[in-house]
Amino acid sequence: MKASEVRVLLAIRKEGTQERQATVTQMINNLIPNGYVSRVKLSGDQRISLLTLTQRGEECADEANRKYTALFQGMIDHLGEKDSEHLITLLGQVFEYLEDHDLE
């Protein structure tokens, strides 16, 4: 499974994502036949679907979370507490900047 597909699984799990964009739709169309995601059309607007993870999708998302947690814990161990806290501060500032300067 591609990293971008794992991100879609995690987003669906977190928000019960409603699909609208073509790129996300294509990824989801690959995940459905592989048994990771189910799609239900909402009444009223056939362009919008409710997406949920299947048991297989939940298991994959759990595994991705475990791997990401281990990866970040290893990074924190490598950097040390002080540098890790500094990195968190810097990334917070980057996030604020990007939100303030949205290109859309």
N, C-alpha and C. Protein backbone atom coordinates (compact mmCIF):
# COMPACT_ATOMS: atom_id res chain seq x y z
N MET A 1 0.84 -1.18 0.00
CA MET A 1 0.00 0.00 0.00
C MET A 1 0.89 1.24 0.00
N LYS A 2 0.50 2.23 -0.79
CA LYS A 2 1.26 3.47 -0.89
C LYS A 2 1.04 4.34 0.34
N ALA A 3 2.04 5.17 0.66
CA ALA A 3 1.93 6.08 1.80
C ALA A 3 0.74 7.02 1.64
N SER A 4 0.47 7.47 0.42
CA SER A 4 -0.67 8.36 0.19
C SER A 4 -1.99 7.66 0.50
N GLU A 5 -2.07 6.36 0.22
CA GLU A 5 -3.28 5.61 0.53
C GLU A 5 -3.44 5.43 2.03
N VAL A 6 -2.34 5.23 2.73
CA VAL A 6 -2.39 5.14 4.20
C VAL A 6 -2.89 6.45 4.78
N ARG A 7 -2.42 7.58 4.24
CA ARG A 7 -2.90 8.89 4.71
C ARG A 7 -4.40 9.02 4.51
N VAL A 8 -4.91 8.52 3.39
CA VAL A 8 -6.35 8.56 3.15
C VAL A 8 -7.08 7.72 4.19
N LEU A 9 -6.57 6.52 4.48
CA LEU A 9 -7.20 5.68 5.51
C LEU A 9 -7.26 6.41 6.84
N LEU A 10 -6.16 7.03 7.23
CA LEU A 10 -6.12 7.73 8.51
C LEU A 10 -7.06 8.92 8.52
N ALA A 11 -7.18 9.62 7.39
CA ALA A 11 -8.10 10.75 7.31
C ALA A 11 -9.55 10.29 7.40
N ILE A 12 -9.88 9.18 6.74
CA ILE A 12 -11.24 8.65 6.82
C ILE A 12 -11.56 8.24 8.24
N ARG A 13 -10.62 7.59 8.90
CA ARG A 13 -10.85 7.17 10.28
C ARG A 13 -11.10 8.37 11.19
N LYS A 14 -10.32 9.41 11.02
CA LYS A 14 -10.39 10.56 11.90
C LYS A 14 -11.67 11.37 11.69
N GLU A 15 -12.07 11.56 10.44
CA GLU A 15 -13.14 12.51 10.16
C GLU A 15 -14.37 11.92 9.51
N GLY A 16 -14.37 10.62 9.19
CA GLY A 16 -15.48 10.11 8.41
C GLY A 16 -15.60 10.88 7.10
N THR A 17 -14.49 11.02 6.42
CA THR A 17 -14.33 11.90 5.27
C THR A 17 -15.41 11.73 4.22
N GLN A 18 -15.88 12.84 3.68
CA GLN A 18 -16.75 12.84 2.51
C GLN A 18 -15.90 13.20 1.32
N GLU A 19 -15.90 12.36 0.30
CA GLU A 19 -15.03 12.58 -0.85
C GLU A 19 -15.61 13.61 -1.81
N ARG A 20 -14.75 14.41 -2.39
CA ARG A 20 -15.15 15.37 -3.42
C ARG A 20 -14.07 15.53 -4.48
N GLN A 21 -12.82 15.42 -4.15
CA GLN A 21 -11.75 15.69 -5.09
C GLN A 21 -11.40 14.46 -5.91
N ALA A 22 -11.08 14.69 -7.19
CA ALA A 22 -10.80 13.59 -8.10
C ALA A 22 -9.60 12.75 -7.67
N THR A 23 -8.55 13.39 -7.14
CA THR A 23 -7.36 12.62 -6.75
C THR A 23 -7.66 11.71 -5.57
N VAL A 24 -8.42 12.21 -4.63
CA VAL A 24 -8.80 11.38 -3.48
C VAL A 24 -9.73 10.27 -3.94
N THR A 25 -10.64 10.59 -4.86
CA THR A 25 -11.56 9.58 -5.39
C THR A 25 -10.80 8.44 -6.04
N GLN A 26 -9.77 8.75 -6.80
CA GLN A 26 -9.00 7.70 -7.45
C GLN A 26 -8.31 6.80 -6.42
N MET A 27 -7.74 7.39 -5.37
CA MET A 27 -7.11 6.58 -4.32
C MET A 27 -8.15 5.70 -3.64
N ILE A 28 -9.31 6.28 -3.37
CA ILE A 28 -10.36 5.52 -2.70
C ILE A 28 -10.85 4.39 -3.59
N ASN A 29 -10.95 4.67 -4.88
CA ASN A 29 -11.38 3.63 -5.82
C ASN A 29 -10.40 2.46 -5.85
N ASN A 30 -9.15 2.70 -5.48
CA ASN A 30 -8.19 1.60 -5.35
C ASN A 30 -8.33 0.88 -4.01
N LEU A 31 -8.74 1.59 -2.98
CA LEU A 31 -8.85 1.01 -1.65
C LEU A 31 -10.11 0.16 -1.49
N ILE A 32 -11.18 0.52 -2.16
CA ILE A 32 -12.46 -0.19 -2.01
C ILE A 32 -12.35 -1.64 -2.46
N PRO A 33 -11.88 -1.93 -3.70
CA PRO A 33 -11.82 -3.34 -4.11
C PRO A 33 -10.82 -4.17 -3.32
N ASN A 34 -9.88 -3.52 -2.67
CA ASN A 34 -8.91 -4.23 -1.84
C ASN A 34 -9.42 -4.45 -0.42
N GLY A 35 -10.64 -3.98 -0.14
CA GLY A 35 -11.27 -4.27 1.14
C GLY A 35 -10.88 -3.37 2.29
N TYR A 36 -10.33 -2.18 2.01
CA TYR A 36 -9.93 -1.27 3.08
C TYR A 36 -11.01 -0.24 3.43
N VAL A 37 -11.85 0.11 2.46
CA VAL A 37 -12.83 1.19 2.62
C VAL A 37 -14.17 0.75 2.05
N SER A 38 -15.26 1.21 2.68
CA SER A 38 -16.58 1.03 2.10
C SER A 38 -17.16 2.40 1.80
N ARG A 39 -18.00 2.46 0.77
CA ARG A 39 -18.59 3.73 0.33
C ARG A 39 -20.10 3.58 0.29
N VAL A 40 -20.80 4.58 0.86
CA VAL A 40 -22.25 4.62 0.82
C VAL A 40 -22.65 5.98 0.27
N LYS A 41 -23.45 5.98 -0.80
CA LYS A 41 -23.95 7.23 -1.36
C LYS A 41 -24.97 7.83 -0.41
N LEU A 42 -24.86 9.14 -0.21
CA LEU A 42 -25.81 9.84 0.65
C LEU A 42 -27.02 10.25 -0.18
N SER A 43 -28.20 10.12 0.41
CA SER A 43 -29.39 10.54 -0.31
C SER A 43 -29.40 12.06 -0.41
N GLY A 44 -29.93 12.55 -1.51
CA GLY A 44 -29.99 13.99 -1.69
C GLY A 44 -28.93 14.52 -2.62
N ASP A 45 -27.70 14.05 -2.51
CA ASP A 45 -26.62 14.51 -3.39
C ASP A 45 -25.76 13.31 -3.76
N GLN A 46 -25.95 12.81 -4.97
CA GLN A 46 -25.24 11.62 -5.42
C GLN A 46 -23.76 11.86 -5.63
N ARG A 47 -23.32 13.11 -5.61
CA ARG A 47 -21.89 13.40 -5.78
C ARG A 47 -21.11 13.15 -4.50
N ILE A 48 -21.79 13.03 -3.38
CA ILE A 48 -21.12 12.89 -2.08
C ILE A 48 -21.35 11.48 -1.54
N SER A 49 -20.27 10.88 -1.07
CA SER A 49 -20.33 9.55 -0.49
C SER A 49 -19.78 9.57 0.93
N LEU A 50 -20.36 8.76 1.79
CA LEU A 50 -19.84 8.57 3.14
C LEU A 50 -18.87 7.40 3.08
N LEU A 51 -17.66 7.64 3.53
CA LEU A 51 -16.62 6.62 3.50
C LEU A 51 -16.31 6.15 4.92
N THR A 52 -16.18 4.84 5.08
CA THR A 52 -15.79 4.28 6.37
C THR A 52 -14.74 3.19 6.13
N LEU A 53 -13.93 2.97 7.15
CA LEU A 53 -12.95 1.90 7.07
C LEU A 53 -13.61 0.57 7.36
N THR A 54 -13.21 -0.44 6.62
CA THR A 54 -13.61 -1.81 6.93
C THR A 54 -12.71 -2.32 8.06
N GLN A 55 -12.95 -3.53 8.51
CA GLN A 55 -12.08 -4.13 9.52
C GLN A 55 -10.64 -4.17 9.02
N ARG A 56 -10.46 -4.54 7.76
CA ARG A 56 -9.12 -4.58 7.17
C ARG A 56 -8.49 -3.18 7.15
N GLY A 57 -9.29 -2.17 6.82
CA GLY A 57 -8.80 -0.79 6.81
C GLY A 57 -8.41 -0.33 8.21
N GLU A 58 -9.22 -0.70 9.21
CA GLU A 58 -8.91 -0.35 10.60
C GLU A 58 -7.59 -0.98 11.03
N GLU A 59 -7.40 -2.24 10.66
CA GLU A 59 -6.16 -2.93 11.02
C GLU A 59 -4.95 -2.26 10.36
N CYS A 60 -5.10 -1.87 9.11
CA CYS A 60 -4.01 -1.21 8.40
C CYS A 60 -3.72 0.16 9.02
N ALA A 61 -4.78 0.90 9.37
CA ALA A 61 -4.60 2.20 10.00
C ALA A 61 -3.93 2.05 11.37
N ASP A 62 -4.32 1.02 12.13
CA ASP A 62 -3.68 0.76 13.42
C ASP A 62 -2.18 0.50 13.25
N GLU A 63 -1.84 -0.32 12.25
CA GLU A 63 -0.44 -0.65 11.99
C GLU A 63 0.33 0.61 11.58
N ALA A 64 -0.27 1.45 10.75
CA ALA A 64 0.38 2.69 10.34
C ALA A 64 0.61 3.59 11.55
N ASN A 65 -0.37 3.68 12.43
CA ASN A 65 -0.21 4.48 13.65
C ASN A 65 0.93 3.96 14.51
N ARG A 66 1.02 2.64 14.65
CA ARG A 66 2.11 2.05 15.44
C ARG A 66 3.47 2.38 14.83
N LYS A 67 3.56 2.27 13.50
CA LYS A 67 4.83 2.55 12.82
C LYS A 67 5.20 4.03 12.94
N TYR A 68 4.22 4.93 12.75
CA TYR A 68 4.51 6.36 12.87
C TYR A 68 4.91 6.73 14.30
N THR A 69 4.25 6.12 15.27
CA THR A 69 4.59 6.38 16.67
C THR A 69 6.02 5.94 16.96
N ALA A 70 6.39 4.75 16.50
CA ALA A 70 7.75 4.25 16.72
C ALA A 70 8.77 5.13 15.99
N LEU A 71 8.44 5.55 14.79
CA LEU A 71 9.34 6.41 14.02
C LEU A 71 9.58 7.73 14.75
N PHE A 72 8.51 8.36 15.22
CA PHE A 72 8.66 9.64 15.91
C PHE A 72 9.33 9.47 17.28
N GLN A 73 9.07 8.37 17.96
CA GLN A 73 9.75 8.13 19.23
C GLN A 73 11.24 7.97 19.00
N GLY A 74 11.62 7.26 17.93
CA GLY A 74 13.03 7.12 17.58
C GLY A 74 13.67 8.46 17.26
N MET A 75 12.92 9.33 16.56
CA MET A 75 13.44 10.65 16.24
C MET A 75 13.65 11.47 17.51
N ILE A 76 12.70 11.40 18.43
CA ILE A 76 12.82 12.13 19.70
C ILE A 76 14.02 11.60 20.49
N ASP A 77 14.18 10.30 20.52
CA ASP A 77 15.33 9.71 21.22
C ASP A 77 16.64 10.17 20.58
N HIS A 78 16.65 10.25 19.26
CA HIS A 78 17.86 10.66 18.53
C HIS A 78 18.19 12.14 18.78
N LEU A 79 17.17 12.99 18.73
CA LEU A 79 17.40 14.43 18.89
C LEU A 79 17.64 14.84 20.34
N GLY A 80 17.03 14.12 21.25
CA GLY A 80 17.07 14.51 22.66
C GLY A 80 15.90 15.42 22.97
N GLU A 81 15.63 15.57 24.27
CA GLU A 81 14.45 16.31 24.71
C GLU A 81 14.49 17.78 24.30
N LYS A 82 15.62 18.43 24.52
CA LYS A 82 15.73 19.86 24.24
C LYS A 82 15.54 20.17 22.75
N ASP A 83 16.25 19.45 21.89
CA ASP A 83 16.12 19.68 20.45
C ASP A 83 14.73 19.27 19.95
N SER A 84 14.15 18.24 20.53
CA SER A 84 12.80 17.83 20.14
C SER A 84 11.79 18.93 20.46
N GLU A 85 11.91 19.53 21.65
CA GLU A 85 11.02 20.62 22.02
C GLU A 85 11.22 21.82 21.10
N HIS A 86 12.48 22.10 20.73
CA HIS A 86 12.77 23.18 19.81
C HIS A 86 12.14 22.90 18.44
N LEU A 87 12.25 21.67 17.97
CA LEU A 87 11.65 21.28 16.70
C LEU A 87 10.14 21.46 16.73
N ILE A 88 9.50 21.08 17.81
CA ILE A 88 8.05 21.24 17.95
C ILE A 88 7.67 22.72 17.86
N THR A 89 8.44 23.57 18.53
CA THR A 89 8.19 25.01 18.47
C THR A 89 8.33 25.53 17.05
N LEU A 90 9.41 25.14 16.37
CA LEU A 90 9.63 25.59 14.99
C LEU A 90 8.54 25.08 14.05
N LEU A 91 8.17 23.83 14.18
CA LEU A 91 7.12 23.30 13.31
C LEU A 91 5.77 23.98 13.58
N GLY A 92 5.51 24.34 14.82
CA GLY A 92 4.30 25.09 15.14
C GLY A 92 4.31 26.44 14.44
N GLN A 93 5.46 27.11 14.42
CA GLN A 93 5.57 28.39 13.74
C GLN A 93 5.40 28.22 12.24
N VAL A 94 5.96 27.17 11.67
CA VAL A 94 5.80 26.89 10.24
C VAL A 94 4.33 26.66 9.92
N PHE A 95 3.65 25.88 10.74
CA PHE A 95 2.23 25.60 10.54
C PHE A 95 1.41 26.89 10.57
N GLU A 96 1.68 27.75 11.56
CA GLU A 96 0.97 29.04 11.64
C GLU A 96 1.22 29.87 10.39
N TYR A 97 2.47 29.92 9.93
CA TYR A 97 2.80 30.68 8.73
C TYR A 97 2.03 30.15 7.53
N LEU A 98 2.03 28.84 7.35
CA LEU A 98 1.34 28.25 6.20
C LEU A 98 -0.16 28.49 6.26
N GLU A 99 -0.74 28.44 7.43
CA GLU A 99 -2.17 28.74 7.55
C GLU A 99 -2.46 30.19 7.20
N ASP A 100 -1.58 31.10 7.58
CA ASP A 100 -1.77 32.52 7.30
C ASP A 100 -1.53 32.86 5.84
N HIS A 101 -0.78 32.02 5.14
CA HIS A 101 -0.41 32.31 3.74
C HIS A 101 -0.93 31.22 2.80
N ASP A 102 -2.16 30.83 3.00
CA ASP A 102 -2.78 29.81 2.17
C ASP A 102 -2.84 30.30 0.72
N LEU A 103 -2.48 29.45 -0.21
CA LEU A 103 -2.41 29.83 -1.61
C LEU A 103 -3.77 29.80 -2.32
N GLU A 104 -4.77 29.24 -1.69
CA GLU A 104 -6.08 29.14 -2.36
C GLU A 104 -6.85 30.44 -2.27
